[in-house]
Amino acid sequence: MKREVFRYSGKFETESGEVIESLEICYHHTANYSPDKRVIWICHALTANSNPIEWWDGLTGPGKLFDTDRFYIICANVLGSCYGTTGPASLDKEGRQYLLRFPQVTVRDTVKAHNILRKAIGIEQIDLITGGSIGGFQALEWAASYPQVVERLALIACNARVSPWGTAFNESQRLAILSDPTFTEQRDSNGGKKGLETARSIALLSYRSYEGYGVSQKEPDQDSLFAKRAGSYQQYQGEKLSARFDAYSYFTLTKSIDSHNVGRYRGGVINALSKIEANTLVIGIDSDLLFPIEEQRFLAENIPNASFAEIKSLFGHDGFLLEYNQTADAVINSFPEIFNSKSKANKKLYASS
């Protein structure tokens, strides 16, 4: 997929009223857009980037569900990230990094920005928009904000409004980052690395499950004096994230998660869901601790023309990344007109899937 950066010429006003003077949006796409191509828009989760082949490779690529040869595939990096879209490490009009001065951005702000990108590319209709976790927040917000644009919607392991449980995890992670004095010093975007490692360790406990840790992090020696493997895994995952991600972006994006509420200024969640026009599939994971499956059932029950599918996994919330065969089956079964027809122009020609 081709990486590009879109530069918006106007001032971008956020929901909080703060303004981003020079908005840039990094995105990856297959660069083969034409009116007879199905458009599939993928929304990424918290610390992912705009190239789904890197983090959703089980579903994205030549010959896979989101076939990069067959469809026009696009994914845009979220506001506040450190992967090319304007965020805390970006420079303000005075040439200084924003860091903790970066505007508070919401999920709705990100979708508003991405819609500007959509118009600039010339995409009139999104045949399918999908995302898991925080990507699901974005996809849902797309369908609520631009119902005339989104024809089909696939929501995976997400909810209609951030839960107190989710916010508690986010705040715990932010407290960990704030406990690192290099973060609040704001010398540069490398601050807060140790705090970020701890935050990632906290987050992993919400992403996985008791059963999953029991399978993957079981002690190999039945007579070991002290358990070490799971602890080593937590350390490794923290260091792995801090090597590739920015604590200021992480702090900003967890705040953005806390903004998620599809019902805000729309008469409440149920009213907002009832107005969604897209043909919708909602997928839940049976072992998800962060977004329990009843939250996905709620979405399916309150969105018109919605169906529900359950994924079985030992690996909790991360099942949306790992259980790609089950995900692919559910999506194909729900939208055969996309994945079995070769093009918009001739839907009677079928390809093997």
Foldseek 3Di string as FASTA:
>chain_A
DDKDKDWDCQWQAAPVRDIAGIWIKIKDKLPPDDPWAAEEEEEEDDQDARDCCVQQVQAEYPPHVNHSVQHIYMYIGFEQFPHTTDHQQDAGPVGDRCQLVDDQHALLSRLVVVVVVCVVVPQQAHAEYEYEESRLLNQLLCLLVPVRRYAEYEYELYFQAQDPLLLVLLVVLVVLQVVQVQRVVCPHQLGSLRSQLVSQLSVQPQFFFPLVCCVPQPDPDPPDPDRDRVVVVSNVRSNVDSVPGTPSSSNSSSSNNNNRHQCVVQPHRLSSQQPRDHQYEYEYECRRRNRHPVRSVVSQVRHPNYDYDYDYDNTHSCCVSVVVVSVSVRVCVSCVQNSQASTPVDSPHGDDD
